[in-house]
Protein backbone atom coordinates (compact mmCIF):
# COMPACT_ATOMS: atom_id res chain seq x y z
CA MET A 1 -109.60 225.81 86.14
CA ARG A 2 -112.64 223.71 86.84
CA VAL A 3 -112.42 222.21 83.33
CA ARG A 4 -108.83 221.13 83.94
CA TYR A 5 -109.86 219.51 87.22
CA VAL A 6 -112.70 217.56 85.52
CA VAL A 7 -110.45 216.51 82.60
CA GLY A 8 -107.74 215.39 85.04
CA ILE A 9 -110.21 213.30 87.03
CA LEU A 10 -111.59 211.77 83.82
CA LEU A 11 -108.08 210.91 82.62
CA LEU A 12 -107.22 209.43 85.99
CA ALA A 13 -110.47 207.40 86.02
CA GLY A 14 -109.79 206.22 82.45
CA ALA A 15 -106.25 205.16 83.37
CA ALA A 16 -107.53 203.31 86.46
CA TYR A 17 -110.22 201.56 84.39
CA PHE A 18 -107.65 200.57 81.76
CA ALA A 19 -105.26 199.27 84.45
CA VAL A 20 -107.95 197.06 85.97
CA PHE A 21 -109.89 195.86 82.92
CA GLY A 22 -108.04 196.72 79.75
CA GLY A 23 -104.92 195.75 77.92
CA GLU A 24 -102.77 192.68 77.94
CA TYR A 25 -101.46 193.22 81.47
CA SER A 26 -104.62 194.25 83.27
CA LEU A 27 -105.04 193.35 86.93
CA VAL A 28 -107.77 190.88 85.99
CA GLU A 29 -105.44 189.18 83.50
CA VAL A 30 -102.56 189.17 85.99
CA GLY A 31 -104.80 187.51 88.60
CA ARG A 32 -105.91 184.86 86.10
CA VAL A 33 -102.31 184.16 85.09
CA LYS A 34 -101.23 183.86 88.75
CA ARG A 35 -103.98 181.31 89.41
CA GLU A 36 -102.98 179.39 86.29
CA LEU A 37 -99.32 179.50 87.36
CA ALA A 38 -100.18 178.08 90.80
CA LEU A 39 -102.17 175.28 89.17
CA GLU A 40 -99.34 174.43 86.77
CA GLN A 41 -96.79 174.46 89.60
CA GLU A 42 -98.93 171.96 91.52
CA ARG A 43 -99.14 169.75 88.44
CA LEU A 44 -95.35 170.00 88.09
CA VAL A 45 -94.85 168.88 91.70
CA GLN A 46 -97.17 165.92 91.09
CA ALA A 47 -95.39 165.02 87.84
CA ARG A 48 -92.00 165.14 89.55
CA ALA A 49 -93.25 162.87 92.34
CA GLU A 50 -94.59 160.41 89.76
CA LEU A 51 -91.29 160.55 87.87
CA ALA A 52 -89.34 159.81 91.06
CA ARG A 53 -91.66 156.88 91.84
CA LEU A 54 -91.25 155.46 88.34
CA GLN A 55 -87.47 155.92 88.38
CA ALA A 56 -87.28 154.04 91.68
CA ARG A 57 -89.40 151.27 90.16
CA VAL A 58 -87.13 151.05 87.10
CA ASP A 59 -84.07 150.94 89.34
CA SER A 60 -85.50 148.15 91.46
CA LEU A 61 -86.49 146.17 88.36
CA GLN A 62 -83.02 146.57 86.83
CA ASN A 63 -80.88 146.06 89.92
CA ASP A 64 -82.83 144.08 92.52
CA SER A 65 -83.30 140.40 91.78
CA ALA A 66 -85.62 140.02 94.79
CA THR A 67 -88.07 142.39 93.07
CA ILE A 68 -88.04 140.24 89.94
CA VAL A 69 -88.61 137.08 92.01
CA ARG A 70 -91.47 138.72 93.93
CA ILE A 71 -93.20 139.84 90.73
CA ALA A 72 -92.73 136.42 89.14
CA ARG A 73 -94.31 134.77 92.19
CA GLU A 74 -97.20 137.24 92.55
CA ARG A 75 -98.16 137.73 88.91
CA TRP A 76 -97.44 134.41 87.29
CA GLY A 77 -97.41 131.99 90.22
CA MET A 78 -93.84 130.90 89.49
CA ILE A 79 -91.89 128.96 92.07
CA ALA A 80 -88.23 128.18 92.71
CA PRO A 81 -86.90 124.67 92.03
CA GLY A 82 -87.92 122.31 94.80
CA GLU A 83 -90.82 124.44 96.02
CA ARG A 84 -94.49 123.59 95.81
CA LEU A 85 -97.24 126.05 95.06
CA TYR A 86 -100.53 125.52 96.84
CA ARG A 87 -103.67 127.21 95.58
CA PHE A 88 -106.79 127.31 97.69
CA GLU A 89 -110.23 127.58 96.16
CA GLU A 90 -113.15 129.26 97.84
CA GLY A 91 -115.37 126.46 99.09
CA ASP A 92 -118.94 126.40 100.31
CA THR A 93 -118.76 127.93 103.79
CA SER A 94 -122.38 127.23 104.72
CA VAL A 95 -123.23 124.71 107.43
CA ASN A 96 -124.63 122.34 104.80
CA GLY A 97 -121.53 122.48 102.56
CA SER A 98 -120.19 119.04 101.64
CA SER A 99 -117.00 117.85 103.28
CA ASN A 100 -115.53 116.97 99.84
CA GLU A 101 -115.60 120.63 98.79
CA ARG A 102 -113.91 121.69 102.01
CA GLU A 103 -111.26 118.99 101.66
CA ARG A 104 -110.48 120.04 98.09
CA ALA A 105 -110.08 123.64 99.24
CA ARG A 106 -107.68 122.56 101.99
CA ALA A 107 -105.62 120.29 99.72
CA GLY A 108 -104.80 122.90 97.06
CA THR A 109 -102.85 122.04 93.96
CA SER A 110 -99.19 122.04 93.03
CA ARG A 111 -97.73 123.64 89.92
CA ASP A 112 -94.57 122.93 87.97
CA SER A 113 -93.68 126.53 87.02
CA THR A 114 -90.26 127.41 88.35
CA ILE A 115 -88.18 130.53 88.81
CA GLY A 116 -84.64 130.65 87.57
CA PRO A 117 -82.58 128.38 85.31
C-alpha cells in the first residue's frame, strides 16, 4: 500500500511538473503567449489610430481646398493673385547692429508665386 502511495505522489508530481514546465501548452508558455498577445494588441491599437489619422489626412487633401491652399502657402510660399509675400530675415539684434540690417529685415521681400489659375 505504501508503494502505491509513493507511486501516486510521484505521478502527481510528474504531471504537475509537466503542466508547469513541459509541453507545448505549459503554464510558462501560456504566460509568455499572453504577454505577447497583450503587446500585439497594443500595437494594433496604435496602428489603427495611425490609419485613422492618415485616412483623415487623405480625406482633407482630396476634399478640402483650404487644406491645399494652406499647404501651398506654408511649404512653398505660394500666394493668391494680388497678394504680396513678405519674408523677414534675422538681423543683428545687438546694440551695435547697423540700422541698414534692421531696415532690410523690416522691409522683407515680395514674391511672384501665386496660388490658383
